[in-house]
Amino acid sequence: MSSEPRLSSTSFIVLALIVAAGEATPYELKQVVALTLGNFWSVPHAQVYAEPERLAANGLLSERREEGGRRRRHYKLTEAGGEVLRGWLAEPTEAMAELRDPGLLKLFLGGDPKGLAGAQLSLHRRKLAEYEALDEQIQGHVSAGFGLALRAGIGHEREWVRFWELVERGEQP
């Protein structure tokens, strides 16, 4: 392994998803990101595809290439990768979440509150219903962390619905 590689949040996402899968191709990782943490953490697809090769070059993943067909690359966590991931997971964070909401930006910049509220309510109600349905489906079938993150998303969407309902009625949130 080379001197300490610079690891990004994408690096740790890839390491953790490979732990969960046991072994995965970059395409499989992209699919898992889209279905799970892509709901609360933006990860460009190009980074998800490129990161396993970089992590393998640094000894944090091992690579197995298919002999025939598309010769896809399959990645597994190495002992060094597991050690790095466990260290990162154990490290508390005090970083604040970055809020990048287009509706809120338009509201701030003078957009019509009632016009924005209708579209935002529709969007946040759909997402809330999606999260609540998923929560019912996964009960007892996922890690505690996955369940907690999903419930945080549910709480987040409930608050957005509450906020935009008040804006739509012309009330002070």
C-alpha atoms as a PDB file:
ATOM      1  CA  MET A   1       0.000   0.000   0.000  1.00  0.00           C
ATOM      2  CA  SER A   2       1.303   3.440  -0.881  1.00  0.00           C
ATOM      3  CA  SER A   3       1.581   6.260   1.643  1.00  0.00           C
ATOM      4  CA  GLU A   4      -1.749   7.197   3.153  1.00  0.00           C
ATOM      5  CA  PRO A   5      -4.144   7.781   0.259  1.00  0.00           C
ATOM      6  CA  ARG A   6      -6.486  10.765   0.399  1.00  0.00           C
ATOM      7  CA  LEU A   7      -9.925   9.372   0.998  1.00  0.00           C
ATOM      8  CA  SER A   8     -13.155  11.202   0.274  1.00  0.00           C
ATOM      9  CA  SER A   9     -16.696  10.518   1.409  1.00  0.00           C
ATOM     10  CA  THR A  10     -17.095   8.588  -1.853  1.00  0.00           C
ATOM     11  CA  SER A  11     -14.126   6.409  -0.848  1.00  0.00           C
ATOM     12  CA  PHE A  12     -15.799   5.474   2.426  1.00  0.00           C
ATOM     13  CA  ILE A  13     -19.159   4.934   0.729  1.00  0.00           C
ATOM     14  CA  VAL A  14     -17.553   2.490  -1.701  1.00  0.00           C
ATOM     15  CA  LEU A  15     -15.703   0.662   1.090  1.00  0.00           C
ATOM     16  CA  ALA A  16     -18.853   0.350   3.218  1.00  0.00           C
ATOM     17  CA  LEU A  17     -21.065  -0.782   0.340  1.00  0.00           C
ATOM     18  CA  ILE A  18     -18.539  -3.437  -0.611  1.00  0.00           C
ATOM     19  CA  VAL A  19     -18.521  -4.649   2.998  1.00  0.00           C
ATOM     20  CA  ALA A  20     -22.316  -4.979   2.835  1.00  0.00           C
ATOM     21  CA  ALA A  21     -22.235  -6.766  -0.532  1.00  0.00           C
ATOM     22  CA  GLY A  22     -19.185  -8.934   0.114  1.00  0.00           C
ATOM     23  CA  GLU A  23     -18.049  -8.276  -3.446  1.00  0.00           C
ATOM     24  CA  ALA A  24     -19.352  -5.830  -6.052  1.00  0.00           C
ATOM     25  CA  THR A  25     -18.748  -4.336  -9.470  1.00  0.00           C
ATOM     26  CA  PRO A  26     -18.791  -0.569  -9.953  1.00  0.00           C
ATOM     27  CA  TYR A  27     -22.155  -0.899 -11.734  1.00  0.00           C
ATOM     28  CA  GLU A  28     -23.640  -2.762  -8.761  1.00  0.00           C
ATOM     29  CA  LEU A  29     -22.317  -0.047  -6.441  1.00  0.00           C
ATOM     30  CA  LYS A  30     -23.968   2.641  -8.581  1.00  0.00           C
ATOM     31  CA  GLN A  31     -27.296   0.806  -8.355  1.00  0.00           C
ATOM     32  CA  VAL A  32     -27.088   0.485  -4.564  1.00  0.00           C
ATOM     33  CA  VAL A  33     -26.203   4.173  -4.201  1.00  0.00           C
ATOM     34  CA  ALA A  34     -29.215   5.159  -6.319  1.00  0.00           C
ATOM     35  CA  LEU A  35     -31.596   3.009  -4.267  1.00  0.00           C
ATOM     36  CA  THR A  36     -30.293   3.866  -0.818  1.00  0.00           C
ATOM     37  CA  LEU A  37     -28.005   6.665   0.259  1.00  0.00           C
ATOM     38  CA  GLY A  38     -28.537   8.558  -2.972  1.00  0.00           C
ATOM     39  CA  ASN A  39     -31.693   9.795  -1.240  1.00  0.00           C
ATOM     40  CA  PHE A  40     -29.635  11.878   1.172  1.00  0.00           C
ATOM     41  CA  TRP A  41     -26.073  12.024  -0.132  1.00  0.00           C
ATOM     42  CA  SER A  42     -25.131  13.145  -3.632  1.00  0.00           C
ATOM     43  CA  VAL A  43     -22.516  10.928  -5.253  1.00  0.00           C
ATOM     44  CA  PRO A  44     -21.663  11.445  -8.944  1.00  0.00           C
ATOM     45  CA  HIS A  45     -21.876   8.178 -10.897  1.00  0.00           C
ATOM     46  CA  ALA A  46     -18.452   8.767 -12.436  1.00  0.00           C
ATOM     47  CA  GLN A  47     -16.896   8.819  -8.967  1.00  0.00           C
ATOM     48  CA  VAL A  48     -18.642   5.587  -7.967  1.00  0.00           C
ATOM     49  CA  TYR A  49     -17.276   3.925 -11.115  1.00  0.00           C
ATOM     50  CA  ALA A  50     -13.720   5.229 -10.728  1.00  0.00           C
ATOM     51  CA  GLU A  51     -13.236   4.937  -6.965  1.00  0.00           C
ATOM     52  CA  PRO A  52     -12.936   1.121  -6.635  1.00  0.00           C
ATOM     53  CA  GLU A  53      -9.968   1.024  -9.007  1.00  0.00           C
ATOM     54  CA  ARG A  54      -8.252   3.821  -7.050  1.00  0.00           C
ATOM     55  CA  LEU A  55      -8.939   2.070  -3.735  1.00  0.00           C
ATOM     56  CA  ALA A  56      -7.577  -1.189  -5.152  1.00  0.00           C
ATOM     57  CA  ALA A  57      -4.414   0.595  -6.305  1.00  0.00           C
ATOM     58  CA  ASN A  58      -3.971   1.739  -2.698  1.00  0.00           C
ATOM     59  CA  GLY A  59      -4.463  -1.753  -1.272  1.00  0.00           C
ATOM     60  CA  LEU A  60      -7.852  -1.086   0.326  1.00  0.00           C
ATOM     61  CA  LEU A  61      -9.754  -3.340  -2.098  1.00  0.00           C
ATOM     62  CA  SER A  62      -8.767  -6.442  -4.001  1.00  0.00           C
ATOM     63  CA  GLU A  63      -9.820  -6.906  -7.609  1.00  0.00           C
ATOM     64  CA  ARG A  64     -10.988  -9.979  -9.486  1.00  0.00           C
ATOM     65  CA  ARG A  65     -11.558  -9.691 -13.227  1.00  0.00           C
ATOM     66  CA  GLU A  66     -13.971 -11.948 -15.088  1.00  0.00           C
ATOM     67  CA  GLU A  67     -12.232 -14.221 -17.598  1.00  0.00           C
ATOM     68  CA  GLY A  68     -14.818 -13.935 -20.368  1.00  0.00           C
ATOM     69  CA  GLY A  69     -17.715 -11.782 -21.397  1.00  0.00           C
ATOM     70  CA  ARG A  70     -17.422  -8.153 -20.429  1.00  0.00           C
ATOM     71  CA  ARG A  71     -14.479  -8.908 -18.135  1.00  0.00           C
ATOM     72  CA  ARG A  72     -16.115  -6.944 -15.337  1.00  0.00           C
ATOM     73  CA  ARG A  73     -14.059  -6.065 -12.307  1.00  0.00           C
ATOM     74  CA  HIS A  74     -15.294  -7.342  -8.946  1.00  0.00           C
ATOM     75  CA  TYR A  75     -13.960  -5.745  -5.791  1.00  0.00           C
ATOM     76  CA  LYS A  76     -13.643  -7.023  -2.218  1.00  0.00           C
ATOM     77  CA  LEU A  77     -12.477  -5.306   0.923  1.00  0.00           C
ATOM     78  CA  THR A  78      -8.929  -6.037   2.066  1.00  0.00           C
ATOM     79  CA  GLU A  79      -7.848  -6.150   5.699  1.00  0.00           C
ATOM     80  CA  ALA A  80      -6.273  -2.704   5.260  1.00  0.00           C
ATOM     81  CA  GLY A  81      -9.516  -1.383   3.761  1.00  0.00           C
ATOM     82  CA  GLY A  82     -11.499  -2.745   6.686  1.00  0.00           C
ATOM     83  CA  GLU A  83      -9.133  -1.108   9.141  1.00  0.00           C
ATOM     84  CA  VAL A  84      -9.415   2.281   7.407  1.00  0.00           C
ATOM     85  CA  LEU A  85     -13.212   2.028   7.220  1.00  0.00           C
ATOM     86  CA  ARG A  86     -13.590   1.034  10.884  1.00  0.00           C
ATOM     87  CA  GLY A  87     -11.395   3.958  11.908  1.00  0.00           C
ATOM     88  CA  TRP A  88     -13.445   6.418   9.870  1.00  0.00           C
ATOM     89  CA  LEU A  89     -16.771   5.056  11.165  1.00  0.00           C
ATOM     90  CA  ALA A  90     -15.549   5.319  14.759  1.00  0.00           C
ATOM     91  CA  GLU A  91     -14.541   8.961  14.350  1.00  0.00           C
ATOM     92  CA  PRO A  92     -17.336  11.335  15.464  1.00  0.00           C
ATOM     93  CA  THR A  93     -18.219  14.186  13.144  1.00  0.00           C
ATOM     94  CA  GLU A  94     -19.196  17.743  13.915  1.00  0.00           C
ATOM     95  CA  ALA A  95     -19.628  18.728  10.276  1.00  0.00           C
ATOM     96  CA  MET A  96     -22.891  20.483   9.537  1.00  0.00           C
ATOM     97  CA  ALA A  97     -25.153  19.279   6.757  1.00  0.00           C
ATOM     98  CA  GLU A  98     -25.224  21.482   3.687  1.00  0.00           C
ATOM     99  CA  LEU A  99     -28.741  22.464   2.706  1.00  0.00           C
ATOM    100  CA  ARG A 100     -29.071  22.895  -1.057  1.00  0.00           C
ATOM    101  CA  ASP A 101     -32.788  23.186  -1.748  1.00  0.00           C
ATOM    102  CA  PRO A 102     -33.844  24.834  -5.042  1.00  0.00           C
ATOM    103  CA  GLY A 103     -37.308  25.734  -3.707  1.00  0.00           C
ATOM    104  CA  LEU A 104     -35.859  27.419  -0.653  1.00  0.00           C
ATOM    105  CA  LEU A 105     -33.314  29.245  -2.814  1.00  0.00           C
ATOM    106  CA  LYS A 106     -36.066  30.609  -5.061  1.00  0.00           C
ATOM    107  CA  LEU A 107     -38.098  31.586  -2.004  1.00  0.00           C
ATOM    108  CA  PHE A 108     -35.088  33.436  -0.575  1.00  0.00           C
ATOM    109  CA  LEU A 109     -34.451  35.228  -3.868  1.00  0.00           C
ATOM    110  CA  GLY A 110     -38.024  36.497  -4.160  1.00  0.00           C
ATOM    111  CA  GLY A 111     -39.968  33.697  -5.825  1.00  0.00           C
ATOM    112  CA  ASP A 112     -43.733  33.532  -5.324  1.00  0.00           C
ATOM    113  CA  PRO A 113     -44.257  31.692  -1.996  1.00  0.00           C
ATOM    114  CA  LYS A 114     -47.643  30.176  -2.885  1.00  0.00           C
ATOM    115  CA  GLY A 115     -46.510  29.146  -6.353  1.00  0.00           C
ATOM    116  CA  LEU A 116     -43.420  27.481  -4.972  1.00  0.00           C
ATOM    117  CA  ALA A 117     -45.352  25.851  -2.118  1.00  0.00           C
ATOM    118  CA  GLY A 118     -47.646  23.864  -4.419  1.00  0.00           C
ATOM    119  CA  ALA A 119     -44.800  22.221  -6.303  1.00  0.00           C
ATOM    120  CA  GLN A 120     -42.742  21.680  -3.153  1.00  0.00           C
ATOM    121  CA  LEU A 121     -45.658  20.120  -1.283  1.00  0.00           C
ATOM    122  CA  SER A 122     -46.260  17.666  -4.088  1.00  0.00           C
ATOM    123  CA  LEU A 123     -42.579  16.733  -4.200  1.00  0.00           C
ATOM    124  CA  HIS A 124     -42.148  16.334  -0.435  1.00  0.00           C
ATOM    125  CA  ARG A 125     -45.421  14.432   0.042  1.00  0.00           C
ATOM    126  CA  ARG A 126     -44.369  11.925  -2.632  1.00  0.00           C
ATOM    127  CA  LYS A 127     -40.950  11.457  -1.050  1.00  0.00           C
ATOM    128  CA  LEU A 128     -42.503  11.096   2.422  1.00  0.00           C
ATOM    129  CA  ALA A 129     -44.903   8.422   1.140  1.00  0.00           C
ATOM    130  CA  GLU A 130     -41.982   6.617  -0.548  1.00  0.00           C
ATOM    131  CA  TYR A 131     -39.923   6.648   2.651  1.00  0.00           C
ATOM    132  CA  GLU A 132     -42.847   5.525   4.827  1.00  0.00           C
ATOM    133  CA  ALA A 133     -43.632   2.633   2.465  1.00  0.00           C
ATOM    134  CA  LEU A 134     -39.979   1.609   2.464  1.00  0.00           C
ATOM    135  CA  ASP A 135     -39.884   1.804   6.268  1.00  0.00           C
ATOM    136  CA  GLU A 136     -42.786  -0.663   6.469  1.00  0.00           C
ATOM    137  CA  GLN A 137     -41.143  -3.037   3.980  1.00  0.00           C
ATOM    138  CA  ILE A 138     -37.730  -3.173   5.628  1.00  0.00           C
ATOM    139  CA  GLN A 139     -38.724  -3.591   9.276  1.00  0.00           C
ATOM    140  CA  GLY A 140     -36.338  -6.147  10.751  1.00  0.00           C
ATOM    141  CA  HIS A 141     -34.460  -6.690   7.470  1.00  0.00           C
ATOM    142  CA  VAL A 142     -31.816  -3.958   7.520  1.00  0.00           C
ATOM    143  CA  SER A 143     -29.095  -2.682   9.807  1.00  0.00           C
ATOM    144  CA  ALA A 144     -29.983  -0.374  12.669  1.00  0.00           C
ATOM    145  CA  GLY A 145     -28.064   2.420  10.942  1.00  0.00           C
ATOM    146  CA  PHE A 146     -30.054   2.034   7.724  1.00  0.00           C
ATOM    147  CA  GLY A 147     -33.309   2.188   9.699  1.00  0.00           C
ATOM    148  CA  LEU A 148     -32.192   5.244  11.649  1.00  0.00           C
ATOM    149  CA  ALA A 149     -31.108   7.063   8.480  1.00  0.00           C
ATOM    150  CA  LEU A 150     -34.453   6.271   6.872  1.00  0.00           C
ATOM    151  CA  ARG A 151     -36.353   7.580   9.897  1.00  0.00           C
ATOM    152  CA  ALA A 152     -34.260  10.756   9.763  1.00  0.00           C
ATOM    153  CA  GLY A 153     -35.369  11.127   6.135  1.00  0.00           C
ATOM    154  CA  ILE A 154     -38.994  10.608   7.181  1.00  0.00           C
ATOM    155  CA  GLY A 155     -38.659  13.289   9.853  1.00  0.00           C
ATOM    156  CA  HIS A 156     -36.982  15.618   7.369  1.00  0.00           C
ATOM    157  CA  GLU A 157     -39.781  15.179   4.814  1.00  0.00           C
ATOM    158  CA  ARG A 158     -42.480  15.640   7.458  1.00  0.00           C
ATOM    159  CA  GLU A 159     -40.894  18.948   8.410  1.00  0.00           C
ATOM    160  CA  TRP A 160     -40.734  20.100   4.782  1.00  0.00           C
ATOM    161  CA  VAL A 161     -44.418  19.213   4.333  1.00  0.00           C
ATOM    162  CA  ARG A 162     -45.274  21.155   7.495  1.00  0.00           C
ATOM    163  CA  PHE A 163     -43.177  24.143   6.371  1.00  0.00           C
ATOM    164  CA  TRP A 164     -44.587  24.328   2.825  1.00  0.00           C
ATOM    165  CA  GLU A 165     -48.173  23.857   4.064  1.00  0.00           C
ATOM    166  CA  LEU A 166     -47.711  26.961   6.243  1.00  0.00           C
ATOM    167  CA  VAL A 167     -46.150  28.880   3.349  1.00  0.00           C
ATOM    168  CA  GLU A 168     -49.029  27.856   1.069  1.00  0.00           C
ATOM    169  CA  ARG A 169     -51.569  29.144   3.612  1.00  0.00           C
ATOM    170  CA  GLY A 170     -49.631  32.390   3.958  1.00  0.00           C
ATOM    171  CA  GLU A 171     -48.825  31.671   7.601  1.00  0.00           C
ATOM    172  CA  GLN A 172     -45.524  32.263   9.309  1.00  0.00           C
ATOM    173  CA  PRO A 173     -43.601  28.972   9.642  1.00  0.00           C
END
